[in-house]
Amino acid sequence: MFEEEVRIKIRSELFEVEESLFSDLPEDEDDLEEAIADALAEGEDETDVLEINTFGRCTHDGGRVTFSYDESEENGMQGSVTAVTYMQENPDVVSMIREGAVSATLVFEEGKRHHCIYNTPIMPFEICVKTLKVVNRLSINGSLELDYIIEIRGAKAERTKFYMQVLK
């Protein structure tokens, strides 16, 4: 197994979605993009941006590549560790595993929906993630781009544009 310390820069842009996109998502990709554009039109000016610069670890066991880092108080997840991981032969499916004070495993696969449980100290919540785009160039130039909509059952959906840059 190979392991090294790396510097990780993350930028997340979050847009609130005014309606639930998970109850009746269109099957046709063009209709889906139109529904997303309509849902975001009113909230685009209200973007929350989160930037993280931290040190982390890169591990590679010959098949699975993992980048992990400790969460901070800035984003309310102090005491948790996040790992972004994928199989080298299938870099278009990326998982984000968070363990600690809050925990969840999110799977990002372009054009697909995945459900998971988000465990918090208060109570667990069901989450649905619809991935719009995955651009994984971590093994080429150290960059990852995810564009997805996430909805916690009972709350408004949110679109996230997630950018991660790994530097040695």
C-alpha atoms as a PDB file:
ATOM      1  CA  MET A   1       0.000   0.000   0.000  1.00  0.00           C
ATOM      2  CA  PHE A   2       1.217   3.464  -0.922  1.00  0.00           C
ATOM      3  CA  GLU A   3       0.510   6.448   1.356  1.00  0.00           C
ATOM      4  CA  GLU A   4       1.618  10.084   1.272  1.00  0.00           C
ATOM      5  CA  GLU A   5       0.662  13.409   2.811  1.00  0.00           C
ATOM      6  CA  VAL A   6      -1.002  15.857   0.414  1.00  0.00           C
ATOM      7  CA  ARG A   7      -2.504  19.331   0.453  1.00  0.00           C
ATOM      8  CA  ILE A   8      -6.205  19.422  -0.392  1.00  0.00           C
ATOM      9  CA  LYS A   9      -8.100  22.478  -1.599  1.00  0.00           C
ATOM     10  CA  ILE A  10     -11.886  22.254  -1.756  1.00  0.00           C
ATOM     11  CA  ARG A  11     -14.428  24.734  -3.034  1.00  0.00           C
ATOM     12  CA  SER A  12     -18.151  24.016  -2.757  1.00  0.00           C
ATOM     13  CA  GLU A  13     -20.814  26.247  -4.254  1.00  0.00           C
ATOM     14  CA  LEU A  14     -24.298  25.569  -2.902  1.00  0.00           C
ATOM     15  CA  PHE A  15     -27.567  26.753  -4.449  1.00  0.00           C
ATOM     16  CA  GLU A  16     -30.912  26.198  -2.757  1.00  0.00           C
ATOM     17  CA  VAL A  17     -33.493  24.520  -4.991  1.00  0.00           C
ATOM     18  CA  GLU A  18     -37.004  25.890  -4.559  1.00  0.00           C
ATOM     19  CA  GLU A  19     -38.759  22.573  -5.183  1.00  0.00           C
ATOM     20  CA  SER A  20     -38.092  18.907  -4.644  1.00  0.00           C
ATOM     21  CA  LEU A  21     -36.407  17.409  -7.669  1.00  0.00           C
ATOM     22  CA  PHE A  22     -36.490  13.859  -6.325  1.00  0.00           C
ATOM     23  CA  SER A  23     -40.197  13.159  -6.158  1.00  0.00           C
ATOM     24  CA  ASP A  24     -40.793  13.090  -9.944  1.00  0.00           C
ATOM     25  CA  LEU A  25     -37.515  13.429 -11.808  1.00  0.00           C
ATOM     26  CA  PRO A  26     -37.890  13.301 -15.581  1.00  0.00           C
ATOM     27  CA  GLU A  27     -36.298  10.238 -17.150  1.00  0.00           C
ATOM     28  CA  ASP A  28     -35.143  12.119 -20.272  1.00  0.00           C
ATOM     29  CA  GLU A  29     -31.801  13.885 -19.663  1.00  0.00           C
ATOM     30  CA  ASP A  30     -32.860  17.026 -21.616  1.00  0.00           C
ATOM     31  CA  ASP A  31     -36.061  17.299 -19.557  1.00  0.00           C
ATOM     32  CA  LEU A  32     -34.007  16.811 -16.390  1.00  0.00           C
ATOM     33  CA  GLU A  33     -31.620  19.635 -17.285  1.00  0.00           C
ATOM     34  CA  GLU A  34     -34.605  21.913 -18.027  1.00  0.00           C
ATOM     35  CA  ALA A  35     -36.252  21.029 -14.697  1.00  0.00           C
ATOM     36  CA  ILE A  36     -33.001  21.755 -12.846  1.00  0.00           C
ATOM     37  CA  ALA A  37     -32.527  25.082 -14.638  1.00  0.00           C
ATOM     38  CA  ASP A  38     -36.105  26.106 -13.802  1.00  0.00           C
ATOM     39  CA  ALA A  39     -35.742  25.093 -10.154  1.00  0.00           C
ATOM     40  CA  LEU A  40     -32.484  27.007  -9.752  1.00  0.00           C
ATOM     41  CA  ALA A  41     -33.452  30.171 -11.630  1.00  0.00           C
ATOM     42  CA  GLU A  42     -34.781  31.973  -8.549  1.00  0.00           C
ATOM     43  CA  GLY A  43     -31.991  30.937  -6.165  1.00  0.00           C
ATOM     44  CA  GLU A  44     -28.868  31.439  -8.301  1.00  0.00           C
ATOM     45  CA  ASP A  45     -28.042  34.787  -6.702  1.00  0.00           C
ATOM     46  CA  GLU A  46     -28.062  33.160  -3.266  1.00  0.00           C
ATOM     47  CA  THR A  47     -24.942  31.048  -3.544  1.00  0.00           C
ATOM     48  CA  ASP A  48     -23.149  29.837  -0.424  1.00  0.00           C
ATOM     49  CA  VAL A  49     -19.453  29.193  -0.987  1.00  0.00           C
ATOM     50  CA  LEU A  50     -17.307  27.073   1.300  1.00  0.00           C
ATOM     51  CA  GLU A  51     -13.541  26.885   0.809  1.00  0.00           C
ATOM     52  CA  ILE A  52     -11.256  24.510   2.671  1.00  0.00           C
ATOM     53  CA  ASN A  53      -7.462  24.338   2.528  1.00  0.00           C
ATOM     54  CA  THR A  54      -6.089  21.474   4.563  1.00  0.00           C
ATOM     55  CA  PHE A  55      -3.599  18.662   4.705  1.00  0.00           C
ATOM     56  CA  GLY A  56      -4.691  15.103   4.159  1.00  0.00           C
ATOM     57  CA  ARG A  57      -3.556  11.679   3.075  1.00  0.00           C
ATOM     58  CA  CYS A  58      -3.542   9.859  -0.224  1.00  0.00           C
ATOM     59  CA  THR A  59      -3.577   6.075  -0.082  1.00  0.00           C
ATOM     60  CA  HIS A  60      -3.462   3.675  -2.982  1.00  0.00           C
ATOM     61  CA  ASP A  61      -3.721  -0.078  -2.540  1.00  0.00           C
ATOM     62  CA  GLY A  62      -3.296  -1.047  -6.193  1.00  0.00           C
ATOM     63  CA  GLY A  63      -6.980  -0.703  -7.046  1.00  0.00           C
ATOM     64  CA  ARG A  64      -8.668   1.795  -4.729  1.00  0.00           C
ATOM     65  CA  VAL A  65      -7.453   5.397  -4.472  1.00  0.00           C
ATOM     66  CA  THR A  66      -8.476   7.386  -1.371  1.00  0.00           C
ATOM     67  CA  PHE A  67      -7.939  11.014  -0.375  1.00  0.00           C
ATOM     68  CA  SER A  68      -8.862  11.699   3.252  1.00  0.00           C
ATOM     69  CA  TYR A  69      -8.832  14.759   5.502  1.00  0.00           C
ATOM     70  CA  ASP A  70     -10.051  15.901   8.907  1.00  0.00           C
ATOM     71  CA  GLU A  71     -13.132  18.129   8.883  1.00  0.00           C
ATOM     72  CA  SER A  72     -13.066  21.432  10.717  1.00  0.00           C
ATOM     73  CA  GLU A  73     -15.268  23.652  12.828  1.00  0.00           C
ATOM     74  CA  GLU A  74     -15.697  25.993   9.808  1.00  0.00           C
ATOM     75  CA  ASN A  75     -18.216  23.676   8.164  1.00  0.00           C
ATOM     76  CA  GLY A  76     -19.739  22.327  11.384  1.00  0.00           C
ATOM     77  CA  MET A  77     -18.254  18.853  11.075  1.00  0.00           C
ATOM     78  CA  GLN A  78     -15.382  19.021  13.552  1.00  0.00           C
ATOM     79  CA  GLY A  79     -14.498  15.554  14.780  1.00  0.00           C
ATOM     80  CA  SER A  80     -15.244  13.886  11.447  1.00  0.00           C
ATOM     81  CA  VAL A  81     -12.942  12.508   8.762  1.00  0.00           C
ATOM     82  CA  THR A  82     -13.928  12.630   5.091  1.00  0.00           C
ATOM     83  CA  ALA A  83     -12.564  10.246   2.470  1.00  0.00           C
ATOM     84  CA  VAL A  84     -13.049  10.693  -1.271  1.00  0.00           C
ATOM     85  CA  THR A  85     -12.462   7.350  -2.920  1.00  0.00           C
ATOM     86  CA  TYR A  86     -12.771   5.538  -6.250  1.00  0.00           C
ATOM     87  CA  MET A  87     -11.592   2.406  -7.981  1.00  0.00           C
ATOM     88  CA  GLN A  88      -8.751   3.090 -10.419  1.00  0.00           C
ATOM     89  CA  GLU A  89     -10.414   1.052 -13.179  1.00  0.00           C
ATOM     90  CA  ASN A  90     -13.721   2.960 -12.732  1.00  0.00           C
ATOM     91  CA  PRO A  91     -12.921   6.610 -11.863  1.00  0.00           C
ATOM     92  CA  ASP A  92     -16.381   7.825 -12.915  1.00  0.00           C
ATOM     93  CA  VAL A  93     -17.959   6.437  -9.728  1.00  0.00           C
ATOM     94  CA  VAL A  94     -16.774   8.417  -6.716  1.00  0.00           C
ATOM     95  CA  SER A  95     -17.742   7.852  -3.087  1.00  0.00           C
ATOM     96  CA  MET A  96     -17.499  10.357  -0.260  1.00  0.00           C
ATOM     97  CA  ILE A  97     -17.359   8.643   3.106  1.00  0.00           C
ATOM     98  CA  ARG A  98     -17.669  10.752   6.241  1.00  0.00           C
ATOM     99  CA  GLU A  99     -17.091   9.166   9.648  1.00  0.00           C
ATOM    100  CA  GLY A 100     -17.063  10.611  13.150  1.00  0.00           C
ATOM    101  CA  ALA A 101     -19.431  13.124  14.765  1.00  0.00           C
ATOM    102  CA  VAL A 102     -21.502  12.958  11.565  1.00  0.00           C
ATOM    103  CA  SER A 103     -21.362  10.043   9.163  1.00  0.00           C
ATOM    104  CA  ALA A 104     -22.651   9.126   5.712  1.00  0.00           C
ATOM    105  CA  THR A 105     -21.565   7.491   2.493  1.00  0.00           C
ATOM    106  CA  LEU A 106     -22.520   9.408  -0.655  1.00  0.00           C
ATOM    107  CA  VAL A 107     -22.097   7.814  -4.079  1.00  0.00           C
ATOM    108  CA  PHE A 108     -21.664  10.023  -7.152  1.00  0.00           C
ATOM    109  CA  GLU A 109     -22.372   8.368 -10.496  1.00  0.00           C
ATOM    110  CA  GLU A 110     -23.341  10.640 -13.380  1.00  0.00           C
ATOM    111  CA  GLY A 111     -27.031  10.455 -14.254  1.00  0.00           C
ATOM    112  CA  LYS A 112     -27.918   8.225 -11.294  1.00  0.00           C
ATOM    113  CA  ARG A 113     -29.666   8.638  -7.950  1.00  0.00           C
ATOM    114  CA  HIS A 114     -28.371   7.056  -4.759  1.00  0.00           C
ATOM    115  CA  HIS A 115     -29.927   7.002  -1.282  1.00  0.00           C
ATOM    116  CA  CYS A 116     -28.102   6.917   2.038  1.00  0.00           C
ATOM    117  CA  ILE A 117     -28.531   7.643   5.718  1.00  0.00           C
ATOM    118  CA  TYR A 118     -26.862  10.749   7.173  1.00  0.00           C
ATOM    119  CA  ASN A 119     -26.161  10.097  10.859  1.00  0.00           C
ATOM    120  CA  THR A 120     -25.901  13.119  13.153  1.00  0.00           C
ATOM    121  CA  PRO A 121     -25.700  13.417  16.962  1.00  0.00           C
ATOM    122  CA  ILE A 122     -29.365  14.510  16.931  1.00  0.00           C
ATOM    123  CA  MET A 123     -30.862  11.834  14.659  1.00  0.00           C
ATOM    124  CA  PRO A 124     -30.375  10.053  11.317  1.00  0.00           C
ATOM    125  CA  PHE A 125     -31.759  11.555   8.091  1.00  0.00           C
ATOM    126  CA  GLU A 126     -32.467   9.924   4.739  1.00  0.00           C
ATOM    127  CA  ILE A 127     -30.626  11.587   1.834  1.00  0.00           C
ATOM    128  CA  CYS A 128     -31.059  11.266  -1.908  1.00  0.00           C
ATOM    129  CA  VAL A 129     -28.233  12.355  -4.242  1.00  0.00           C
ATOM    130  CA  LYS A 130     -28.756  12.914  -7.982  1.00  0.00           C
ATOM    131  CA  THR A 131     -25.401  13.316  -9.741  1.00  0.00           C
ATOM    132  CA  LEU A 132     -25.362  15.585 -12.768  1.00  0.00           C
ATOM    133  CA  LYS A 133     -21.646  15.443 -13.572  1.00  0.00           C
ATOM    134  CA  VAL A 134     -18.460  13.651 -12.475  1.00  0.00           C
ATOM    135  CA  VAL A 135     -15.101  14.792 -13.866  1.00  0.00           C
ATOM    136  CA  ASN A 136     -12.440  12.769 -12.054  1.00  0.00           C
ATOM    137  CA  ARG A 137      -8.901  13.711 -13.071  1.00  0.00           C
ATOM    138  CA  LEU A 138      -7.345  13.004  -9.685  1.00  0.00           C
ATOM    139  CA  SER A 139      -4.833  10.538 -11.136  1.00  0.00           C
ATOM    140  CA  ILE A 140      -4.005  12.883 -14.062  1.00  0.00           C
ATOM    141  CA  ASN A 141      -3.764  16.393 -12.603  1.00  0.00           C
ATOM    142  CA  GLY A 142      -5.154  16.063  -9.067  1.00  0.00           C
ATOM    143  CA  SER A 143      -8.605  17.530  -9.765  1.00  0.00           C
ATOM    144  CA  LEU A 144     -12.151  16.357  -9.120  1.00  0.00           C
ATOM    145  CA  GLU A 145     -15.365  18.105 -10.100  1.00  0.00           C
ATOM    146  CA  LEU A 146     -18.790  16.958  -8.920  1.00  0.00           C
ATOM    147  CA  ASP A 147     -22.110  18.608  -9.741  1.00  0.00           C
ATOM    148  CA  TYR A 148     -25.041  17.132  -7.848  1.00  0.00           C
ATOM    149  CA  ILE A 149     -28.363  17.772  -6.193  1.00  0.00           C
ATOM    150  CA  ILE A 150     -28.815  16.552  -2.650  1.00  0.00           C
ATOM    151  CA  GLU A 151     -32.026  16.407  -0.702  1.00  0.00           C
ATOM    152  CA  ILE A 152     -32.490  15.543   2.942  1.00  0.00           C
ATOM    153  CA  ARG A 153     -35.971  14.070   3.347  1.00  0.00           C
ATOM    154  CA  GLY A 154     -38.205  16.822   4.673  1.00  0.00           C
ATOM    155  CA  ALA A 155     -35.862  19.684   3.704  1.00  0.00           C
ATOM    156  CA  LYS A 156     -35.317  21.692   0.546  1.00  0.00           C
ATOM    157  CA  ALA A 157     -33.027  20.270  -2.083  1.00  0.00           C
ATOM    158  CA  GLU A 158     -29.667  21.900  -2.736  1.00  0.00           C
ATOM    159  CA  ARG A 159     -27.424  21.830  -5.776  1.00  0.00           C
ATOM    160  CA  THR A 160     -23.705  21.587  -5.049  1.00  0.00           C
ATOM    161  CA  LYS A 161     -20.794  22.213  -7.354  1.00  0.00           C
ATOM    162  CA  PHE A 162     -17.828  20.578  -5.625  1.00  0.00           C
ATOM    163  CA  TYR A 163     -14.239  21.163  -6.763  1.00  0.00           C
ATOM    164  CA  MET A 164     -11.270  19.396  -5.169  1.00  0.00           C
ATOM    165  CA  GLN A 165      -7.617  19.974  -6.030  1.00  0.00           C
ATOM    166  CA  VAL A 166      -4.893  17.739  -4.570  1.00  0.00           C
ATOM    167  CA  LEU A 167      -1.346  19.087  -4.371  1.00  0.00           C
ATOM    168  CA  LYS A 168       1.745  17.237  -3.208  1.00  0.00           C
END
